[in-house]
Amino acid sequence: VQLQASGGGLVQAGDSLRLSCAASGRTFSTDGMGWFRQAPGKEREFVAAISGNGRTPYYAQSVKGRFTISRDNAKNTIYLLMNSLNPDDTAVYYCARRTIVAETMKASGYDSWGQGTLVTVSS
């Protein structure tokens, strides 16, 4: 599967942003999907994930209550709505396909990484 992330940009603290990740190349609706992010000089970290049918979301503690992951299988797209952004959310955000359910919150549980989209939050 090929993944294309988009929607990043420069925003101010407190603003909202919605990221999109479009998938192509294979059946999408059976795949769990996830968002990760990587800030400069830091390891890639889990942000959110969603099951193939969209009924089961997962969130990192740092974004719980602020970010919402969703998907539209008819459009082969997943979304990440980010509210109340703060400078600590500044990072390149990546979407990926989950391959190991038991590793939903680990990068090792995913493949087919998209190219990433940069989110910069100014204070």
N, C-alpha and C. Protein backbone atom coordinates (compact mmCIF):
# COMPACT_ATOMS: atom_id res chain seq x y z
N VAL A 1 0.84 -1.17 0.00
CA VAL A 1 0.00 0.00 0.00
C VAL A 1 0.89 1.24 0.00
N GLN A 2 0.48 2.26 -0.75
CA GLN A 2 1.20 3.53 -0.77
C GLN A 2 0.39 4.55 0.02
N LEU A 3 1.08 5.31 0.85
CA LEU A 3 0.41 6.27 1.72
C LEU A 3 0.93 7.67 1.45
N GLN A 4 0.02 8.63 1.41
CA GLN A 4 0.37 10.02 1.16
C GLN A 4 -0.25 10.89 2.25
N ALA A 5 0.60 11.43 3.10
CA ALA A 5 0.12 12.29 4.18
C ALA A 5 0.12 13.75 3.72
N SER A 6 -0.83 14.50 4.24
CA SER A 6 -0.92 15.91 3.89
C SER A 6 -1.63 16.66 5.00
N GLY A 7 -1.62 18.00 4.90
CA GLY A 7 -2.36 18.82 5.85
C GLY A 7 -1.53 19.54 6.88
N GLY A 8 -0.24 19.28 6.89
CA GLY A 8 0.62 19.95 7.85
C GLY A 8 0.76 21.43 7.53
N GLY A 9 1.35 22.16 8.46
CA GLY A 9 1.57 23.57 8.25
C GLY A 9 2.05 24.26 9.51
N LEU A 10 2.11 25.57 9.44
CA LEU A 10 2.52 26.40 10.57
C LEU A 10 1.29 27.00 11.22
N VAL A 11 1.11 26.73 12.50
CA VAL A 11 -0.04 27.25 13.24
C VAL A 11 0.44 27.81 14.57
N GLN A 12 -0.45 28.52 15.23
CA GLN A 12 -0.14 29.08 16.54
C GLN A 12 -0.66 28.15 17.64
N ALA A 13 -0.09 28.26 18.79
CA ALA A 13 -0.55 27.49 19.93
C ALA A 13 -2.03 27.73 20.15
N GLY A 14 -2.75 26.65 20.39
CA GLY A 14 -4.19 26.72 20.59
C GLY A 14 -5.00 26.48 19.33
N ASP A 15 -4.34 26.53 18.19
CA ASP A 15 -5.03 26.31 16.92
C ASP A 15 -5.31 24.82 16.70
N SER A 16 -6.07 24.57 15.65
CA SER A 16 -6.39 23.20 15.23
C SER A 16 -5.86 22.96 13.82
N LEU A 17 -5.68 21.68 13.53
CA LEU A 17 -5.19 21.28 12.21
C LEU A 17 -5.71 19.87 11.94
N ARG A 18 -6.03 19.58 10.70
CA ARG A 18 -6.45 18.22 10.36
C ARG A 18 -5.50 17.65 9.32
N LEU A 19 -4.91 16.54 9.65
CA LEU A 19 -4.05 15.81 8.73
C LEU A 19 -4.86 14.74 8.01
N SER A 20 -4.45 14.45 6.79
CA SER A 20 -5.07 13.39 6.01
C SER A 20 -3.99 12.43 5.54
N CYS A 21 -4.37 11.20 5.35
CA CYS A 21 -3.47 10.19 4.82
C CYS A 21 -4.26 9.35 3.82
N ALA A 22 -3.93 9.50 2.56
CA ALA A 22 -4.62 8.78 1.49
C ALA A 22 -3.85 7.51 1.16
N ALA A 23 -4.57 6.41 1.04
CA ALA A 23 -3.96 5.12 0.76
C ALA A 23 -4.34 4.63 -0.63
N SER A 24 -3.43 3.94 -1.25
CA SER A 24 -3.71 3.35 -2.56
C SER A 24 -2.92 2.05 -2.69
N GLY A 25 -3.36 1.21 -3.59
CA GLY A 25 -2.56 0.04 -3.91
C GLY A 25 -3.09 -1.28 -3.41
N ARG A 26 -4.01 -1.27 -2.44
CA ARG A 26 -4.56 -2.54 -1.96
C ARG A 26 -5.81 -2.24 -1.15
N THR A 27 -6.47 -3.29 -0.75
CA THR A 27 -7.66 -3.14 0.08
C THR A 27 -7.31 -2.41 1.37
N PHE A 28 -8.06 -1.40 1.66
CA PHE A 28 -7.74 -0.50 2.77
C PHE A 28 -8.55 -0.81 4.02
N SER A 29 -9.78 -1.21 3.84
CA SER A 29 -10.71 -1.29 4.96
C SER A 29 -10.38 -2.38 5.97
N THR A 30 -9.50 -3.30 5.61
CA THR A 30 -9.14 -4.35 6.56
C THR A 30 -7.91 -4.00 7.38
N ASP A 31 -7.27 -2.90 7.06
CA ASP A 31 -6.01 -2.54 7.71
C ASP A 31 -6.20 -1.56 8.85
N GLY A 32 -5.64 -1.89 9.99
CA GLY A 32 -5.49 -0.87 11.02
C GLY A 32 -4.47 0.14 10.53
N MET A 33 -4.63 1.39 10.94
CA MET A 33 -3.74 2.44 10.49
C MET A 33 -3.31 3.29 11.69
N GLY A 34 -2.18 3.93 11.56
CA GLY A 34 -1.69 4.73 12.68
C GLY A 34 -1.00 5.99 12.25
N TRP A 35 -0.90 6.88 13.20
CA TRP A 35 -0.13 8.12 13.05
C TRP A 35 1.02 8.11 14.06
N PHE A 36 2.17 8.47 13.61
CA PHE A 36 3.34 8.66 14.46
C PHE A 36 3.89 10.04 14.18
N ARG A 37 4.77 10.49 15.04
CA ARG A 37 5.42 11.78 14.81
C ARG A 37 6.87 11.71 15.28
N GLN A 38 7.67 12.55 14.67
CA GLN A 38 9.08 12.61 15.03
C GLN A 38 9.52 14.06 15.06
N ALA A 39 9.89 14.50 16.24
CA ALA A 39 10.41 15.85 16.43
C ALA A 39 11.92 15.83 16.19
N PRO A 40 12.50 16.97 15.87
CA PRO A 40 13.95 17.03 15.62
C PRO A 40 14.74 16.49 16.80
N GLY A 41 15.64 15.56 16.52
CA GLY A 41 16.49 15.02 17.55
C GLY A 41 15.84 14.01 18.47
N LYS A 42 14.61 13.63 18.16
CA LYS A 42 13.89 12.68 19.01
C LYS A 42 13.50 11.43 18.24
N GLU A 43 13.15 10.40 18.99
CA GLU A 43 12.69 9.16 18.38
C GLU A 43 11.27 9.35 17.83
N ARG A 44 10.95 8.53 16.85
CA ARG A 44 9.59 8.52 16.34
C ARG A 44 8.67 7.97 17.43
N GLU A 45 7.55 8.64 17.66
CA GLU A 45 6.66 8.21 18.72
C GLU A 45 5.23 8.03 18.21
N PHE A 46 4.55 7.12 18.86
CA PHE A 46 3.16 6.82 18.53
C PHE A 46 2.27 8.00 18.90
N VAL A 47 1.29 8.28 18.04
CA VAL A 47 0.32 9.33 18.31
C VAL A 47 -1.08 8.75 18.44
N ALA A 48 -1.52 8.05 17.41
CA ALA A 48 -2.88 7.51 17.41
C ALA A 48 -2.97 6.38 16.39
N ALA A 49 -3.95 5.53 16.58
CA ALA A 49 -4.20 4.44 15.64
C ALA A 49 -5.70 4.16 15.60
N ILE A 50 -6.10 3.45 14.57
CA ILE A 50 -7.52 3.12 14.42
C ILE A 50 -7.64 1.78 13.74
N SER A 51 -8.62 1.01 14.17
CA SER A 51 -8.84 -0.30 13.58
C SER A 51 -9.40 -0.17 12.17
N GLY A 52 -9.41 -1.29 11.45
CA GLY A 52 -9.86 -1.27 10.06
C GLY A 52 -11.29 -0.80 9.89
N ASN A 53 -12.15 -1.18 10.82
CA ASN A 53 -13.56 -0.77 10.72
C ASN A 53 -13.83 0.58 11.37
N GLY A 54 -12.80 1.18 11.93
CA GLY A 54 -12.94 2.51 12.51
C GLY A 54 -13.55 2.56 13.88
N ARG A 55 -13.82 1.42 14.47
CA ARG A 55 -14.54 1.42 15.75
C ARG A 55 -13.63 1.52 16.96
N THR A 56 -12.37 1.22 16.77
CA THR A 56 -11.46 1.17 17.91
C THR A 56 -10.29 2.13 17.70
N PRO A 57 -10.32 3.26 18.40
CA PRO A 57 -9.18 4.17 18.33
C PRO A 57 -8.21 3.94 19.49
N TYR A 58 -6.99 4.34 19.27
CA TYR A 58 -5.97 4.29 20.30
C TYR A 58 -5.25 5.64 20.29
N TYR A 59 -4.87 6.11 21.48
CA TYR A 59 -4.19 7.40 21.57
C TYR A 59 -3.02 7.34 22.54
N ALA A 60 -2.00 8.09 22.21
CA ALA A 60 -0.94 8.32 23.17
C ALA A 60 -1.48 9.22 24.28
N GLN A 61 -0.98 9.03 25.47
CA GLN A 61 -1.47 9.82 26.59
C GLN A 61 -1.30 11.31 26.36
N SER A 62 -0.25 11.68 25.66
CA SER A 62 0.06 13.09 25.46
C SER A 62 -0.94 13.81 24.55
N VAL A 63 -1.71 13.05 23.78
CA VAL A 63 -2.65 13.68 22.85
C VAL A 63 -4.09 13.33 23.17
N LYS A 64 -4.30 12.45 24.11
CA LYS A 64 -5.66 12.02 24.44
C LYS A 64 -6.49 13.22 24.87
N GLY A 65 -7.68 13.33 24.30
CA GLY A 65 -8.56 14.45 24.61
C GLY A 65 -8.36 15.65 23.71
N ARG A 66 -7.25 15.67 22.97
CA ARG A 66 -7.00 16.79 22.05
C ARG A 66 -7.04 16.35 20.59
N PHE A 67 -6.59 15.15 20.32
CA PHE A 67 -6.53 14.62 18.96
C PHE A 67 -7.62 13.58 18.75
N THR A 68 -8.13 13.52 17.52
CA THR A 68 -9.13 12.53 17.16
C THR A 68 -8.73 11.88 15.84
N ILE A 69 -8.63 10.57 15.84
CA ILE A 69 -8.34 9.84 14.62
C ILE A 69 -9.64 9.29 14.06
N SER A 70 -9.75 9.31 12.75
CA SER A 70 -10.94 8.77 12.10
C SER A 70 -10.53 8.26 10.72
N ARG A 71 -11.48 7.61 10.07
CA ARG A 71 -11.19 7.10 8.73
C ARG A 71 -12.45 7.08 7.90
N ASP A 72 -12.26 7.19 6.60
CA ASP A 72 -13.34 7.06 5.63
C ASP A 72 -12.89 5.99 4.64
N ASN A 73 -13.36 4.78 4.84
CA ASN A 73 -12.90 3.68 3.98
C ASN A 73 -13.37 3.84 2.54
N ALA A 74 -14.45 4.54 2.33
CA ALA A 74 -14.90 4.78 0.96
C ALA A 74 -13.91 5.66 0.20
N LYS A 75 -13.19 6.48 0.94
CA LYS A 75 -12.21 7.37 0.32
C LYS A 75 -10.77 6.89 0.53
N ASN A 76 -10.63 5.73 1.18
CA ASN A 76 -9.29 5.20 1.47
C ASN A 76 -8.41 6.23 2.17
N THR A 77 -9.00 6.87 3.16
CA THR A 77 -8.29 7.97 3.82
C THR A 77 -8.50 7.90 5.33
N ILE A 78 -7.43 8.20 6.07
CA ILE A 78 -7.56 8.38 7.50
C ILE A 78 -7.23 9.83 7.82
N TYR A 79 -7.73 10.27 8.96
CA TYR A 79 -7.57 11.66 9.36
C TYR A 79 -7.04 11.75 10.79
N LEU A 80 -6.42 12.85 11.07
CA LEU A 80 -6.03 13.15 12.44
C LEU A 80 -6.39 14.61 12.70
N LEU A 81 -7.45 14.80 13.48
CA LEU A 81 -7.86 16.14 13.86
C LEU A 81 -7.12 16.50 15.14
N MET A 82 -6.37 17.58 15.08
CA MET A 82 -5.54 17.99 16.21
C MET A 82 -6.05 19.33 16.74
N ASN A 83 -6.53 19.32 17.96
CA ASN A 83 -7.00 20.53 18.60
C ASN A 83 -6.05 20.96 19.72
N SER A 84 -6.17 22.20 20.12
CA SER A 84 -5.37 22.73 21.23
C SER A 84 -3.89 22.42 21.05
N LEU A 85 -3.40 22.70 19.88
CA LEU A 85 -2.01 22.40 19.59
C LEU A 85 -1.07 23.25 20.44
N ASN A 86 0.04 22.67 20.80
CA ASN A 86 1.06 23.40 21.54
C ASN A 86 2.42 23.12 20.92
N PRO A 87 3.42 23.90 21.27
CA PRO A 87 4.74 23.75 20.62
C PRO A 87 5.32 22.34 20.74
N ASP A 88 4.95 21.60 21.77
CA ASP A 88 5.44 20.23 21.91
C ASP A 88 4.89 19.29 20.84
N ASP A 89 3.88 19.73 20.13
CA ASP A 89 3.32 18.92 19.05
C ASP A 89 4.07 19.12 17.74
N THR A 90 5.02 20.02 17.72
CA THR A 90 5.81 20.26 16.52
C THR A 90 6.60 19.01 16.14
N ALA A 91 6.40 18.55 14.92
CA ALA A 91 7.05 17.31 14.47
C ALA A 91 6.66 17.04 13.02
N VAL A 92 7.34 16.08 12.43
CA VAL A 92 6.88 15.51 11.17
C VAL A 92 5.94 14.37 11.53
N TYR A 93 4.77 14.38 10.98
CA TYR A 93 3.75 13.38 11.26
C TYR A 93 3.69 12.37 10.11
N TYR A 94 3.72 11.11 10.48
CA TYR A 94 3.72 10.03 9.51
C TYR A 94 2.49 9.14 9.71
N CYS A 95 1.94 8.66 8.63
CA CYS A 95 0.92 7.63 8.72
C CYS A 95 1.55 6.31 8.26
N ALA A 96 0.98 5.23 8.73
CA ALA A 96 1.51 3.91 8.40
C ALA A 96 0.43 2.86 8.55
N ARG A 97 0.66 1.73 7.93
CA ARG A 97 -0.28 0.62 8.01
C ARG A 97 0.14 -0.32 9.13
N ARG A 98 -0.81 -0.67 9.97
CA ARG A 98 -0.51 -1.56 11.07
C ARG A 98 -0.48 -3.01 10.58
N THR A 99 0.56 -3.72 10.96
CA THR A 99 0.68 -5.12 10.59
C THR A 99 0.66 -6.05 11.79
N ILE A 100 0.94 -5.54 12.97
CA ILE A 100 0.96 -6.36 14.18
C ILE A 100 0.07 -5.68 15.21
N VAL A 101 -1.09 -6.24 15.45
CA VAL A 101 -2.04 -5.63 16.37
C VAL A 101 -1.46 -5.48 17.77
N ALA A 102 -0.69 -6.48 18.19
CA ALA A 102 -0.11 -6.45 19.54
C ALA A 102 0.91 -5.32 19.69
N GLU A 103 1.33 -4.74 18.60
CA GLU A 103 2.30 -3.64 18.64
C GLU A 103 1.68 -2.37 18.08
N THR A 104 0.44 -2.14 18.41
CA THR A 104 -0.28 -0.97 17.91
C THR A 104 0.41 0.34 18.26
N MET A 105 1.08 0.39 19.40
CA MET A 105 1.70 1.63 19.85
C MET A 105 3.21 1.65 19.61
N LYS A 106 3.66 0.74 18.78
CA LYS A 106 5.09 0.67 18.46
C LYS A 106 5.29 0.80 16.96
N ALA A 107 6.33 1.51 16.58
CA ALA A 107 6.62 1.68 15.16
C ALA A 107 6.91 0.33 14.49
N SER A 108 7.41 -0.61 15.25
CA SER A 108 7.74 -1.92 14.71
C SER A 108 6.50 -2.69 14.28
N GLY A 109 5.32 -2.23 14.69
CA GLY A 109 4.09 -2.89 14.32
C GLY A 109 3.47 -2.37 13.04
N TYR A 110 4.23 -1.56 12.30
CA TYR A 110 3.71 -0.91 11.10
C TYR A 110 4.67 -1.05 9.93
N ASP A 111 4.08 -0.93 8.73
CA ASP A 111 4.90 -0.82 7.54
C ASP A 111 4.26 0.20 6.62
N SER A 112 4.79 0.30 5.40
CA SER A 112 4.24 1.20 4.37
C SER A 112 4.13 2.64 4.86
N TRP A 113 5.19 3.15 5.42
CA TRP A 113 5.19 4.51 5.94
C TRP A 113 5.05 5.53 4.82
N GLY A 114 4.20 6.53 5.06
CA GLY A 114 4.10 7.65 4.15
C GLY A 114 5.29 8.58 4.30
N GLN A 115 5.33 9.62 3.51
CA GLN A 115 6.50 10.50 3.47
C GLN A 115 6.51 11.51 4.61
N GLY A 116 5.43 11.68 5.30
CA GLY A 116 5.38 12.61 6.42
C GLY A 116 4.93 14.00 6.02
N THR A 117 4.31 14.69 6.97
CA THR A 117 3.89 16.06 6.76
C THR A 117 4.29 16.86 8.01
N LEU A 118 4.88 18.02 7.80
CA LEU A 118 5.44 18.80 8.91
C LEU A 118 4.38 19.67 9.56
N VAL A 119 4.32 19.56 10.86
CA VAL A 119 3.45 20.42 11.67
C VAL A 119 4.34 21.26 12.58
N THR A 120 4.20 22.56 12.49
CA THR A 120 4.98 23.47 13.32
C THR A 120 4.02 24.34 14.11
N VAL A 121 4.16 24.31 15.43
CA VAL A 121 3.28 25.08 16.31
C VAL A 121 4.12 26.15 16.99
N SER A 122 3.77 27.39 16.74
CA SER A 122 4.51 28.49 17.35
C SER A 122 3.82 28.93 18.64
N SER A 123 4.61 29.41 19.56
CA SER A 123 4.07 29.83 20.86
C SER A 123 3.62 31.27 20.84
